[in-house]
Amino acid sequence: MIARKEQKRALVLGGTGHIGSAIARKLATDGWTVTAAGRSAEPRPNLEGTKVKIVGGDDHQPAAVAGWIADADLVVDAATPYPLWLHDRDRVRIVANAVTRARHLTAMTARSGAAFVHISSFTTLPRPKGPIAQLSQGILQGLHSYFDLKAKVEAAVRGALRDGLRGCVVNPATCFGPYDLKPMEHAFIPMLLAGKVGGLVRHDLNVVDVRDVAAVVSAACAQDFPTSQIPVFGHTVSLPELATRICQLGGVNPPRLQVPSLMGLASLYWVETAYAVAGRKSPWPSLPMMLVRASYAAAPSAAQISLAGHPRPLADTLQDAVAWYRKINRV
């Protein structure tokens, strides 16, 4: 059994965010006493109707999280910070701080005897074989420190796991579904349904429901972590097709303009660079486009199927996502 006491207690860092709240909800449903840590302790719509306790604090400060971890049987880190902007002057510091944070968290968790689950990214997984895919991955890694940060933080966690920390790394594909509270300008579905997406790039991406990611995490804990790394994939779909299906649910027309993904990425890159030269931040950061470009066709992993079965239908995920954004007045 994972728990050291009769009542299982879980701490979800980033538990008020999109993926984190889905994990917190699932663990609570499966019998855990869950604490969700976020920037503040204010009630959140994505945790309404649950018994999840919300606490606020800075998880970069070891003293702020030491008490939370000391009372937990499981720590889930769904809050790794990352730089959004391409030319962020603090990006070296942000990467270094993120790695230091991961090392502090894993060390404190190991000392407490709890287990640790790190929510990473599909971008750290090996790409499909082929020179073009490998070249594309290398270019993206060199352009934006997001990719370097994710890889280095995951490496730190994997090192702790090799040293005896119980737990695993979970690598989800692009997440859709309910419980997202991001501002409208950073959320694809609300922007799309509001007619604020002027065009689309032609590229395949893999979409997984946040609830399927949460189910994998809960099952891995229940089975005492049969594997140390779990890729979680869903359905491969082109971005134009995905947008069309979302627009059908929203009763609006999809954008007509479609361009190759490299052209779209290059345009956003130079726009963001021009803003940076002028000392300003672009209203259209290029990172989301880079993540689309980094995505690829993939099937659900054997590890995720063994733990939680096959992913739910994409139609259900999109329908529930649109319904969620309507509920919180984003569309």
C-alpha atoms as a PDB file:
ATOM      1  CA  MET A   1       0.000   0.000   0.000  1.00  0.00           C
ATOM      2  CA  ILE A   2       1.182   3.511  -0.757  1.00  0.00           C
ATOM      3  CA  ALA A   3      -0.293   5.126   2.346  1.00  0.00           C
ATOM      4  CA  ARG A   4       1.576   5.181   5.642  1.00  0.00           C
ATOM      5  CA  LYS A   5      -1.680   5.775   7.525  1.00  0.00           C
ATOM      6  CA  GLU A   6      -5.233   4.502   7.194  1.00  0.00           C
ATOM      7  CA  GLN A   7      -6.329   7.672   5.392  1.00  0.00           C
ATOM      8  CA  LYS A   8      -4.427   8.367   2.174  1.00  0.00           C
ATOM      9  CA  ARG A   9      -3.377  12.009   1.845  1.00  0.00           C
ATOM     10  CA  ALA A  10      -2.311  13.620  -1.415  1.00  0.00           C
ATOM     11  CA  LEU A  11      -0.766  17.005  -2.128  1.00  0.00           C
ATOM     12  CA  VAL A  12      -1.232  18.266  -5.686  1.00  0.00           C
ATOM     13  CA  LEU A  13       1.044  21.198  -6.509  1.00  0.00           C
ATOM     14  CA  GLY A  14      -0.665  23.185  -9.231  1.00  0.00           C
ATOM     15  CA  GLY A  15      -3.894  21.546  -8.101  1.00  0.00           C
ATOM     16  CA  THR A  16      -5.991  24.546  -9.126  1.00  0.00           C
ATOM     17  CA  GLY A  17      -4.719  24.458 -12.727  1.00  0.00           C
ATOM     18  CA  HIS A  18      -6.064  22.536 -15.703  1.00  0.00           C
ATOM     19  CA  ILE A  19      -4.246  19.216 -15.329  1.00  0.00           C
ATOM     20  CA  GLY A  20      -3.730  19.573 -11.588  1.00  0.00           C
ATOM     21  CA  SER A  21      -7.416  20.078 -10.801  1.00  0.00           C
ATOM     22  CA  ALA A  22      -8.350  17.020 -12.873  1.00  0.00           C
ATOM     23  CA  ILE A  23      -5.838  14.971 -10.881  1.00  0.00           C
ATOM     24  CA  ALA A  24      -7.043  16.402  -7.564  1.00  0.00           C
ATOM     25  CA  ARG A  25     -10.648  15.597  -8.448  1.00  0.00           C
ATOM     26  CA  LYS A  26      -9.836  12.035  -9.506  1.00  0.00           C
ATOM     27  CA  LEU A  27      -7.766  11.290  -6.404  1.00  0.00           C
ATOM     28  CA  ALA A  28     -10.552  12.659  -4.197  1.00  0.00           C
ATOM     29  CA  THR A  29     -13.079  10.475  -6.007  1.00  0.00           C
ATOM     30  CA  ASP A  30     -10.817   7.470  -5.452  1.00  0.00           C
ATOM     31  CA  GLY A  31     -10.690   7.955  -1.701  1.00  0.00           C
ATOM     32  CA  TRP A  32      -7.749  10.270  -1.112  1.00  0.00           C
ATOM     33  CA  THR A  33      -7.845  13.279   1.177  1.00  0.00           C
ATOM     34  CA  VAL A  34      -6.523  15.885  -1.244  1.00  0.00           C
ATOM     35  CA  THR A  35      -4.867  19.247  -0.752  1.00  0.00           C
ATOM     36  CA  ALA A  36      -4.554  21.353  -3.903  1.00  0.00           C
ATOM     37  CA  ALA A  37      -1.831  23.991  -3.739  1.00  0.00           C
ATOM     38  CA  GLY A  38      -2.027  27.093  -5.904  1.00  0.00           C
ATOM     39  CA  ARG A  39      -1.042  30.736  -5.863  1.00  0.00           C
ATOM     40  CA  SER A  40      -3.929  31.542  -3.524  1.00  0.00           C
ATOM     41  CA  ALA A  41      -6.417  29.704  -1.328  1.00  0.00           C
ATOM     42  CA  GLU A  42      -9.433  31.252  -3.039  1.00  0.00           C
ATOM     43  CA  PRO A  43     -12.186  28.800  -4.097  1.00  0.00           C
ATOM     44  CA  ARG A  44     -11.927  27.740  -7.742  1.00  0.00           C
ATOM     45  CA  PRO A  45     -14.766  26.740 -10.092  1.00  0.00           C
ATOM     46  CA  ASN A  46     -12.804  23.703 -11.289  1.00  0.00           C
ATOM     47  CA  LEU A  47     -12.845  22.208  -7.785  1.00  0.00           C
ATOM     48  CA  GLU A  48     -16.472  23.001  -6.932  1.00  0.00           C
ATOM     49  CA  GLY A  49     -18.426  20.059  -5.586  1.00  0.00           C
ATOM     50  CA  THR A  50     -15.348  18.278  -4.269  1.00  0.00           C
ATOM     51  CA  LYS A  51     -13.843  17.895  -0.802  1.00  0.00           C
ATOM     52  CA  VAL A  52     -10.453  19.074  -2.055  1.00  0.00           C
ATOM     53  CA  LYS A  53      -8.803  21.554   0.302  1.00  0.00           C
ATOM     54  CA  ILE A  54      -7.165  24.531  -1.418  1.00  0.00           C
ATOM     55  CA  VAL A  55      -4.062  26.159   0.052  1.00  0.00           C
ATOM     56  CA  GLY A  56      -2.041  29.063  -1.280  1.00  0.00           C
ATOM     57  CA  GLY A  57       1.679  29.654  -1.237  1.00  0.00           C
ATOM     58  CA  ASP A  58       4.927  29.838  -3.181  1.00  0.00           C
ATOM     59  CA  ASP A  59       6.127  26.302  -3.893  1.00  0.00           C
ATOM     60  CA  HIS A  60       9.520  27.694  -4.935  1.00  0.00           C
ATOM     61  CA  GLN A  61      10.212  28.249  -1.238  1.00  0.00           C
ATOM     62  CA  PRO A  62      11.036  24.970   0.557  1.00  0.00           C
ATOM     63  CA  ALA A  63       9.707  26.316   3.855  1.00  0.00           C
ATOM     64  CA  ALA A  64       6.328  27.026   2.262  1.00  0.00           C
ATOM     65  CA  VAL A  65       5.780  23.429   1.160  1.00  0.00           C
ATOM     66  CA  ALA A  66       7.638  21.496   3.854  1.00  0.00           C
ATOM     67  CA  GLY A  67       4.573  21.310   6.079  1.00  0.00           C
ATOM     68  CA  TRP A  68       2.334  20.218   3.231  1.00  0.00           C
ATOM     69  CA  ILE A  69       4.706  17.446   2.181  1.00  0.00           C
ATOM     70  CA  ALA A  70       5.274  16.255   5.751  1.00  0.00           C
ATOM     71  CA  ASP A  71       1.572  15.408   6.017  1.00  0.00           C
ATOM     72  CA  ALA A  72       1.277  13.732   2.595  1.00  0.00           C
ATOM     73  CA  ASP A  73       1.551  10.158   1.393  1.00  0.00           C
ATOM     74  CA  LEU A  74       1.690  11.334  -2.213  1.00  0.00           C
ATOM     75  CA  VAL A  75       3.026  14.494  -3.843  1.00  0.00           C
ATOM     76  CA  VAL A  76       1.951  15.277  -7.405  1.00  0.00           C
ATOM     77  CA  ASP A  77       3.840  18.101  -9.093  1.00  0.00           C
ATOM     78  CA  ALA A  78       1.686  19.626 -11.815  1.00  0.00           C
ATOM     79  CA  ALA A  79       3.138  23.100 -11.349  1.00  0.00           C
ATOM     80  CA  THR A  80       6.564  23.168 -12.978  1.00  0.00           C
ATOM     81  CA  PRO A  81       7.103  26.820 -13.990  1.00  0.00           C
ATOM     82  CA  TYR A  82       8.246  27.633 -17.507  1.00  0.00           C
ATOM     83  CA  PRO A  83       9.054  30.741 -19.553  1.00  0.00           C
ATOM     84  CA  LEU A  84       6.289  31.791 -21.932  1.00  0.00           C
ATOM     85  CA  TRP A  85       8.200  34.399 -23.902  1.00  0.00           C
ATOM     86  CA  LEU A  86      10.786  33.578 -26.521  1.00  0.00           C
ATOM     87  CA  HIS A  87      13.254  36.298 -25.560  1.00  0.00           C
ATOM     88  CA  ASP A  88      12.689  36.391 -21.799  1.00  0.00           C
ATOM     89  CA  ARG A  89      15.771  37.984 -20.259  1.00  0.00           C
ATOM     90  CA  ASP A  90      15.368  35.809 -17.173  1.00  0.00           C
ATOM     91  CA  ARG A  91      15.102  32.499 -19.020  1.00  0.00           C
ATOM     92  CA  VAL A  92      18.454  31.154 -17.771  1.00  0.00           C
ATOM     93  CA  ARG A  93      17.452  31.947 -14.215  1.00  0.00           C
ATOM     94  CA  ILE A  94      13.981  30.464 -14.746  1.00  0.00           C
ATOM     95  CA  VAL A  95      15.449  27.169 -15.962  1.00  0.00           C
ATOM     96  CA  ALA A  96      17.948  27.015 -13.099  1.00  0.00           C
ATOM     97  CA  ASN A  97      15.271  27.828 -10.524  1.00  0.00           C
ATOM     98  CA  ALA A  98      12.931  25.184 -11.917  1.00  0.00           C
ATOM     99  CA  VAL A  99      15.614  22.506 -11.623  1.00  0.00           C
ATOM    100  CA  THR A 100      16.464  23.628  -8.082  1.00  0.00           C
ATOM    101  CA  ARG A 101      12.775  23.534  -7.191  1.00  0.00           C
ATOM    102  CA  ALA A 102      12.443  19.973  -8.515  1.00  0.00           C
ATOM    103  CA  ARG A 103      15.456  18.824  -6.519  1.00  0.00           C
ATOM    104  CA  HIS A 104      14.110  20.403  -3.333  1.00  0.00           C
ATOM    105  CA  LEU A 105      10.688  18.827  -3.846  1.00  0.00           C
ATOM    106  CA  THR A 106      12.025  15.343  -4.532  1.00  0.00           C
ATOM    107  CA  ALA A 107      14.451  15.535  -1.609  1.00  0.00           C
ATOM    108  CA  MET A 108      11.734  16.639   0.828  1.00  0.00           C
ATOM    109  CA  THR A 109       9.375  13.969  -0.491  1.00  0.00           C
ATOM    110  CA  ALA A 110      12.018  11.260  -0.125  1.00  0.00           C
ATOM    111  CA  ARG A 111      12.758  12.310   3.450  1.00  0.00           C
ATOM    112  CA  SER A 112       9.061  12.212   4.331  1.00  0.00           C
ATOM    113  CA  GLY A 113       8.622   8.722   2.902  1.00  0.00           C
ATOM    114  CA  ALA A 114       5.919   9.827   0.475  1.00  0.00           C
ATOM    115  CA  ALA A 115       5.687   8.990  -3.223  1.00  0.00           C
ATOM    116  CA  PHE A 116       6.197  11.533  -6.000  1.00  0.00           C
ATOM    117  CA  VAL A 117       4.522  11.937  -9.401  1.00  0.00           C
ATOM    118  CA  HIS A 118       5.930  14.492 -11.822  1.00  0.00           C
ATOM    119  CA  ILE A 119       3.708  15.759 -14.635  1.00  0.00           C
ATOM    120  CA  SER A 120       6.119  16.394 -17.479  1.00  0.00           C
ATOM    121  CA  SER A 121       5.494  16.852 -21.210  1.00  0.00           C
ATOM    122  CA  PHE A 122       5.383  14.842 -24.407  1.00  0.00           C
ATOM    123  CA  THR A 123       8.194  17.088 -25.659  1.00  0.00           C
ATOM    124  CA  THR A 124      10.746  15.239 -23.512  1.00  0.00           C
ATOM    125  CA  LEU A 125       9.936  11.863 -25.059  1.00  0.00           C
ATOM    126  CA  PRO A 126      11.976  10.417 -27.939  1.00  0.00           C
ATOM    127  CA  ARG A 127      10.586  11.571 -31.269  1.00  0.00           C
ATOM    128  CA  PRO A 128       9.589   9.132 -34.006  1.00  0.00           C
ATOM    129  CA  LYS A 129      12.619   8.060 -35.986  1.00  0.00           C
ATOM    130  CA  GLY A 130      13.582  10.012 -39.065  1.00  0.00           C
ATOM    131  CA  PRO A 131      15.997  12.816 -39.933  1.00  0.00           C
ATOM    132  CA  ILE A 132      13.285  15.434 -40.473  1.00  0.00           C
ATOM    133  CA  ALA A 133      11.627  14.731 -37.125  1.00  0.00           C
ATOM    134  CA  GLN A 134      14.953  14.791 -35.322  1.00  0.00           C
ATOM    135  CA  LEU A 135      15.999  18.023 -37.035  1.00  0.00           C
ATOM    136  CA  SER A 136      12.681  19.683 -36.206  1.00  0.00           C
ATOM    137  CA  GLN A 137      12.994  18.679 -32.560  1.00  0.00           C
ATOM    138  CA  GLY A 138      16.535  20.026 -32.382  1.00  0.00           C
ATOM    139  CA  ILE A 139      15.536  23.373 -33.901  1.00  0.00           C
ATOM    140  CA  LEU A 140      12.656  23.839 -31.467  1.00  0.00           C
ATOM    141  CA  GLN A 141      14.841  22.945 -28.495  1.00  0.00           C
ATOM    142  CA  GLY A 142      17.312  25.594 -29.582  1.00  0.00           C
ATOM    143  CA  LEU A 143      14.679  28.283 -30.119  1.00  0.00           C
ATOM    144  CA  HIS A 144      12.787  28.284 -26.825  1.00  0.00           C
ATOM    145  CA  SER A 145      13.974  27.511 -23.300  1.00  0.00           C
ATOM    146  CA  TYR A 146      10.645  25.797 -22.510  1.00  0.00           C
ATOM    147  CA  PHE A 147      11.974  22.602 -24.050  1.00  0.00           C
ATOM    148  CA  ASP A 148      15.301  22.771 -22.226  1.00  0.00           C
ATOM    149  CA  LEU A 149      13.550  23.429 -18.923  1.00  0.00           C
ATOM    150  CA  LYS A 150      11.151  20.505 -19.281  1.00  0.00           C
ATOM    151  CA  ALA A 151      13.992  18.131 -20.147  1.00  0.00           C
ATOM    152  CA  LYS A 152      16.230  19.259 -17.285  1.00  0.00           C
ATOM    153  CA  VAL A 153      13.481  19.159 -14.669  1.00  0.00           C
ATOM    154  CA  GLU A 154      12.421  15.690 -15.776  1.00  0.00           C
ATOM    155  CA  ALA A 155      16.045  14.532 -15.668  1.00  0.00           C
ATOM    156  CA  ALA A 156      16.307  15.756 -12.068  1.00  0.00           C
ATOM    157  CA  VAL A 157      13.177  13.831 -11.095  1.00  0.00           C
ATOM    158  CA  ARG A 158      14.295  10.687 -12.896  1.00  0.00           C
ATOM    159  CA  GLY A 159      17.596  10.912 -11.031  1.00  0.00           C
ATOM    160  CA  ALA A 160      15.713  10.973  -7.722  1.00  0.00           C
ATOM    161  CA  LEU A 161      13.646   7.967  -8.813  1.00  0.00           C
ATOM    162  CA  ARG A 162      16.820   6.041  -9.632  1.00  0.00           C
ATOM    163  CA  ASP A 163      18.116   6.914  -6.161  1.00  0.00           C
ATOM    164  CA  GLY A 164      15.120   5.256  -4.532  1.00  0.00           C
ATOM    165  CA  LEU A 165      12.274   7.783  -4.521  1.00  0.00           C
ATOM    166  CA  ARG A 166       8.968   5.977  -5.140  1.00  0.00           C
ATOM    167  CA  GLY A 167       6.883   7.369  -7.948  1.00  0.00           C
ATOM    168  CA  CYS A 168       6.902   8.040 -11.664  1.00  0.00           C
ATOM    169  CA  VAL A 169       6.999  10.604 -14.457  1.00  0.00           C
ATOM    170  CA  VAL A 170       3.844  11.125 -16.533  1.00  0.00           C
ATOM    171  CA  ASN A 171       4.212  12.623 -20.025  1.00  0.00           C
ATOM    172  CA  PRO A 172       0.836  13.783 -21.396  1.00  0.00           C
ATOM    173  CA  ALA A 173       0.166  14.890 -24.946  1.00  0.00           C
ATOM    174  CA  THR A 174      -1.738  18.134 -25.630  1.00  0.00           C
ATOM    175  CA  CYS A 175      -4.482  18.297 -22.995  1.00  0.00           C
ATOM    176  CA  PHE A 176      -8.097  19.266 -23.660  1.00  0.00           C
ATOM    177  CA  GLY A 177     -11.245  18.824 -21.602  1.00  0.00           C
ATOM    178  CA  PRO A 178     -12.973  20.590 -18.708  1.00  0.00           C
ATOM    179  CA  TYR A 179     -11.500  22.434 -15.693  1.00  0.00           C
ATOM    180  CA  ASP A 180      -9.338  24.942 -17.599  1.00  0.00           C
ATOM    181  CA  LEU A 181      -9.308  28.411 -16.029  1.00  0.00           C
ATOM    182  CA  LYS A 182      -6.687  30.112 -18.197  1.00  0.00           C
ATOM    183  CA  PRO A 183      -7.492  33.642 -19.391  1.00  0.00           C
ATOM    184  CA  MET A 184      -9.411  33.643 -22.647  1.00  0.00           C
ATOM    185  CA  GLU A 185      -6.462  34.957 -24.652  1.00  0.00           C
ATOM    186  CA  HIS A 186      -4.430  31.885 -23.661  1.00  0.00           C
ATOM    187  CA  ALA A 187      -7.174  29.294 -24.230  1.00  0.00           C
ATOM    188  CA  PHE A 188      -7.613  27.891 -27.739  1.00  0.00           C
ATOM    189  CA  ILE A 189     -11.286  26.904 -27.631  1.00  0.00           C
ATOM    190  CA  PRO A 190     -12.658  30.229 -26.293  1.00  0.00           C
ATOM    191  CA  MET A 191     -10.490  32.179 -28.728  1.00  0.00           C
ATOM    192  CA  LEU A 192     -11.616  29.976 -31.610  1.00  0.00           C
ATOM    193  CA  LEU A 193     -15.323  30.245 -30.800  1.00  0.00           C
ATOM    194  CA  ALA A 194     -15.022  34.009 -30.339  1.00  0.00           C
ATOM    195  CA  GLY A 195     -13.634  34.346 -33.866  1.00  0.00           C
ATOM    196  CA  LYS A 196     -10.248  35.521 -32.632  1.00  0.00           C
ATOM    197  CA  VAL A 197      -8.221  32.797 -34.358  1.00  0.00           C
ATOM    198  CA  GLY A 198      -7.498  34.237 -37.783  1.00  0.00           C
ATOM    199  CA  GLY A 199      -5.986  31.136 -39.335  1.00  0.00           C
ATOM    200  CA  LEU A 200      -4.764  27.620 -38.699  1.00  0.00           C
ATOM    201  CA  VAL A 201      -1.636  25.668 -39.480  1.00  0.00           C
ATOM    202  CA  ARG A 202      -1.691  22.311 -41.208  1.00  0.00           C
ATOM    203  CA  HIS A 203      -0.152  19.952 -38.671  1.00  0.00           C
ATOM    204  CA  ASP A 204      -1.140  16.849 -36.748  1.00  0.00           C
ATOM    205  CA  LEU A 205      -1.299  16.939 -32.990  1.00  0.00           C
ATOM    206  CA  ASN A 206      -2.168  14.370 -30.364  1.00  0.00           C
ATOM    207  CA  VAL A 207      -4.979  15.336 -28.007  1.00  0.00           C
ATOM    208  CA  VAL A 208      -5.669  13.664 -24.667  1.00  0.00           C
ATOM    209  CA  ASP A 209      -8.377  14.367 -22.113  1.00  0.00           C
ATOM    210  CA  VAL A 210      -7.122  15.749 -18.785  1.00  0.00           C
ATOM    211  CA  ARG A 211      -9.393  13.240 -17.056  1.00  0.00           C
ATOM    212  CA  ASP A 212      -7.572  10.391 -18.791  1.00  0.00           C
ATOM    213  CA  VAL A 213      -4.268  11.802 -17.533  1.00  0.00           C
ATOM    214  CA  ALA A 214      -5.758  11.940 -14.037  1.00  0.00           C
ATOM    215  CA  ALA A 215      -6.982   8.349 -14.302  1.00  0.00           C
ATOM    216  CA  VAL A 216      -3.473   7.185 -15.206  1.00  0.00           C
ATOM    217  CA  VAL A 217      -1.985   9.014 -12.216  1.00  0.00           C
ATOM    218  CA  SER A 218      -4.517   7.539  -9.799  1.00  0.00           C
ATOM    219  CA  ALA A 219      -4.105   4.024 -11.189  1.00  0.00           C
ATOM    220  CA  ALA A 220      -0.306   4.246 -11.037  1.00  0.00           C
ATOM    221  CA  CYS A 221      -0.547   5.199  -7.359  1.00  0.00           C
ATOM    222  CA  ALA A 222      -3.023   2.413  -6.613  1.00  0.00           C
ATOM    223  CA  GLN A 223      -0.690  -0.134  -8.237  1.00  0.00           C
ATOM    224  CA  ASP A 224       2.394   1.265  -6.453  1.00  0.00           C
ATOM    225  CA  PHE A 225       4.035   2.531  -9.632  1.00  0.00           C
ATOM    226  CA  PRO A 226       4.649  -0.497 -11.864  1.00  0.00           C
ATOM    227  CA  THR A 227       6.736   1.663 -14.213  1.00  0.00           C
ATOM    228  CA  SER A 228       8.759   4.825 -13.725  1.00  0.00           C
ATOM    229  CA  GLN A 229       7.614   6.637 -16.897  1.00  0.00           C
ATOM    230  CA  ILE A 230       4.162   6.734 -18.455  1.00  0.00           C
ATOM    231  CA  PRO A 231       3.536   8.486 -21.795  1.00  0.00           C
ATOM    232  CA  VAL A 232      -0.168   9.385 -22.054  1.00  0.00           C
ATOM    233  CA  PHE A 233      -1.476   9.890 -25.577  1.00  0.00           C
ATOM    234  CA  GLY A 234      -4.978  10.232 -26.952  1.00  0.00           C
ATOM    235  CA  HIS A 235      -6.195  10.866 -30.494  1.00  0.00           C
ATOM    236  CA  THR A 236      -4.169  12.146 -33.438  1.00  0.00           C
ATOM    237  CA  VAL A 237      -6.014  14.809 -35.405  1.00  0.00           C
ATOM    238  CA  SER A 238      -5.018  17.662 -37.692  1.00  0.00           C
ATOM    239  CA  LEU A 239      -5.407  21.123 -36.218  1.00  0.00           C
ATOM    240  CA  PRO A 240      -7.873  22.222 -38.956  1.00  0.00           C
ATOM    241  CA  GLU A 241     -10.023  19.136 -38.338  1.00  0.00           C
ATOM    242  CA  LEU A 242      -9.914  19.718 -34.592  1.00  0.00           C
ATOM    243  CA  ALA A 243     -10.953  23.338 -35.068  1.00  0.00           C
ATOM    244  CA  THR A 244     -13.801  22.337 -37.385  1.00  0.00           C
ATOM    245  CA  ARG A 245     -15.184  19.897 -34.823  1.00  0.00           C
ATOM    246  CA  ILE A 246     -14.980  22.491 -32.060  1.00  0.00           C
ATOM    247  CA  CYS A 247     -16.656  25.134 -34.217  1.00  0.00           C
ATOM    248  CA  GLN A 248     -19.479  22.725 -35.056  1.00  0.00           C
ATOM    249  CA  LEU A 249     -20.121  22.300 -31.340  1.00  0.00           C
ATOM    250  CA  GLY A 250     -20.053  26.070 -30.875  1.00  0.00           C
ATOM    251  CA  GLY A 251     -22.247  26.829 -33.872  1.00  0.00           C
ATOM    252  CA  VAL A 252     -19.691  29.029 -35.627  1.00  0.00           C
ATOM    253  CA  ASN A 253     -17.680  28.791 -38.825  1.00  0.00           C
ATOM    254  CA  PRO A 254     -14.039  27.675 -38.598  1.00  0.00           C
ATOM    255  CA  PRO A 255     -11.249  29.931 -39.865  1.00  0.00           C
ATOM    256  CA  ARG A 256     -10.726  29.608 -43.605  1.00  0.00           C
ATOM    257  CA  LEU A 257      -7.053  30.518 -43.717  1.00  0.00           C
ATOM    258  CA  GLN A 258      -4.684  27.554 -43.496  1.00  0.00           C
ATOM    259  CA  VAL A 259      -0.896  27.702 -43.832  1.00  0.00           C
ATOM    260  CA  PRO A 260       1.950  25.204 -43.413  1.00  0.00           C
ATOM    261  CA  SER A 261       3.045  24.897 -39.790  1.00  0.00           C
ATOM    262  CA  LEU A 262       6.574  26.114 -40.504  1.00  0.00           C
ATOM    263  CA  MET A 263       5.215  29.258 -42.145  1.00  0.00           C
ATOM    264  CA  GLY A 264       2.942  29.936 -39.194  1.00  0.00           C
ATOM    265  CA  LEU A 265       5.752  29.363 -36.718  1.00  0.00           C
ATOM    266  CA  ALA A 266       8.151  31.606 -38.630  1.00  0.00           C
ATOM    267  CA  SER A 267       5.580  34.409 -38.717  1.00  0.00           C
ATOM    268  CA  LEU A 268       4.979  34.301 -34.970  1.00  0.00           C
ATOM    269  CA  TYR A 269       8.693  33.987 -34.275  1.00  0.00           C
ATOM    270  CA  TRP A 270       9.528  37.177 -36.138  1.00  0.00           C
ATOM    271  CA  VAL A 271       6.545  39.058 -34.707  1.00  0.00           C
ATOM    272  CA  GLU A 272       7.625  38.140 -31.175  1.00  0.00           C
ATOM    273  CA  THR A 273      11.219  39.048 -32.001  1.00  0.00           C
ATOM    274  CA  ALA A 274      10.177  42.440 -33.363  1.00  0.00           C
ATOM    275  CA  TYR A 275       8.214  43.188 -30.213  1.00  0.00           C
ATOM    276  CA  ALA A 276      11.198  42.123 -28.085  1.00  0.00           C
ATOM    277  CA  VAL A 277      13.523  44.461 -29.993  1.00  0.00           C
ATOM    278  CA  ALA A 278      11.079  47.268 -29.196  1.00  0.00           C
ATOM    279  CA  GLY A 279      11.180  46.302 -25.523  1.00  0.00           C
ATOM    280  CA  ARG A 280       7.642  44.915 -25.516  1.00  0.00           C
ATOM    281  CA  LYS A 281       5.960  41.531 -25.227  1.00  0.00           C
ATOM    282  CA  SER A 282       4.072  40.244 -28.230  1.00  0.00           C
ATOM    283  CA  PRO A 283       0.352  39.614 -27.726  1.00  0.00           C
ATOM    284  CA  TRP A 284       0.925  36.429 -29.755  1.00  0.00           C
ATOM    285  CA  PRO A 285       3.687  34.374 -28.085  1.00  0.00           C
ATOM    286  CA  SER A 286       5.151  31.741 -30.391  1.00  0.00           C
ATOM    287  CA  LEU A 287       5.350  28.959 -27.775  1.00  0.00           C
ATOM    288  CA  PRO A 288       1.851  27.541 -28.446  1.00  0.00           C
ATOM    289  CA  MET A 289       2.718  27.266 -32.134  1.00  0.00           C
ATOM    290  CA  MET A 290       6.026  25.601 -31.246  1.00  0.00           C
ATOM    291  CA  LEU A 291       4.152  23.032 -29.173  1.00  0.00           C
ATOM    292  CA  VAL A 292       1.857  22.337 -32.113  1.00  0.00           C
ATOM    293  CA  ARG A 293       4.901  21.918 -34.334  1.00  0.00           C
ATOM    294  CA  ALA A 294       6.474  19.601 -31.736  1.00  0.00           C
ATOM    295  CA  SER A 295       3.404  17.372 -31.681  1.00  0.00           C
ATOM    296  CA  TYR A 296       3.214  14.179 -33.711  1.00  0.00           C
ATOM    297  CA  ALA A 297       0.987  11.205 -34.450  1.00  0.00           C
ATOM    298  CA  ALA A 298       1.066   8.674 -31.626  1.00  0.00           C
ATOM    299  CA  ALA A 299      -0.979   5.830 -30.202  1.00  0.00           C
ATOM    300  CA  PRO A 300      -1.825   5.397 -26.514  1.00  0.00           C
ATOM    301  CA  SER A 301       1.114   3.799 -24.727  1.00  0.00           C
ATOM    302  CA  ALA A 302       1.015   0.245 -23.457  1.00  0.00           C
ATOM    303  CA  ALA A 303       1.698   1.539 -19.952  1.00  0.00           C
ATOM    304  CA  GLN A 304      -1.285   3.902 -19.932  1.00  0.00           C
ATOM    305  CA  ILE A 305      -3.643   1.264 -21.372  1.00  0.00           C
ATOM    306  CA  SER A 306      -2.509  -1.264 -18.778  1.00  0.00           C
ATOM    307  CA  LEU A 307      -3.225   1.222 -16.001  1.00  0.00           C
ATOM    308  CA  ALA A 308      -6.373   3.025 -17.104  1.00  0.00           C
ATOM    309  CA  GLY A 309      -7.609   1.533 -20.369  1.00  0.00           C
ATOM    310  CA  HIS A 310      -8.084   3.311 -23.670  1.00  0.00           C
ATOM    311  CA  PRO A 311      -8.709   7.074 -23.815  1.00  0.00           C
ATOM    312  CA  ARG A 312     -12.266   8.329 -24.006  1.00  0.00           C
ATOM    313  CA  PRO A 313     -13.639   9.372 -27.426  1.00  0.00           C
ATOM    314  CA  LEU A 314     -12.395  12.716 -28.707  1.00  0.00           C
ATOM    315  CA  ALA A 315     -15.996  13.789 -29.318  1.00  0.00           C
ATOM    316  CA  ASP A 316     -16.733  13.468 -25.599  1.00  0.00           C
ATOM    317  CA  THR A 317     -13.644  15.466 -24.662  1.00  0.00           C
ATOM    318  CA  LEU A 318     -14.493  18.331 -27.013  1.00  0.00           C
ATOM    319  CA  GLN A 319     -18.162  18.398 -26.052  1.00  0.00           C
ATOM    320  CA  ASP A 320     -17.306  18.530 -22.348  1.00  0.00           C
ATOM    321  CA  ALA A 321     -14.644  21.185 -22.945  1.00  0.00           C
ATOM    322  CA  VAL A 322     -17.060  23.487 -24.788  1.00  0.00           C
ATOM    323  CA  ALA A 323     -19.687  22.920 -22.080  1.00  0.00           C
ATOM    324  CA  TRP A 324     -17.106  23.811 -19.423  1.00  0.00           C
ATOM    325  CA  TYR A 325     -16.110  27.079 -21.078  1.00  0.00           C
ATOM    326  CA  ARG A 326     -19.784  27.993 -21.372  1.00  0.00           C
ATOM    327  CA  LYS A 327     -20.285  27.239 -17.694  1.00  0.00           C
ATOM    328  CA  ILE A 328     -17.528  29.662 -16.675  1.00  0.00           C
ATOM    329  CA  ASN A 329     -18.620  32.258 -19.266  1.00  0.00           C
ATOM    330  CA  ARG A 330     -15.546  31.982 -21.472  1.00  0.00           C
ATOM    331  CA  VAL A 331     -17.758  31.452 -24.559  1.00  0.00           C
END
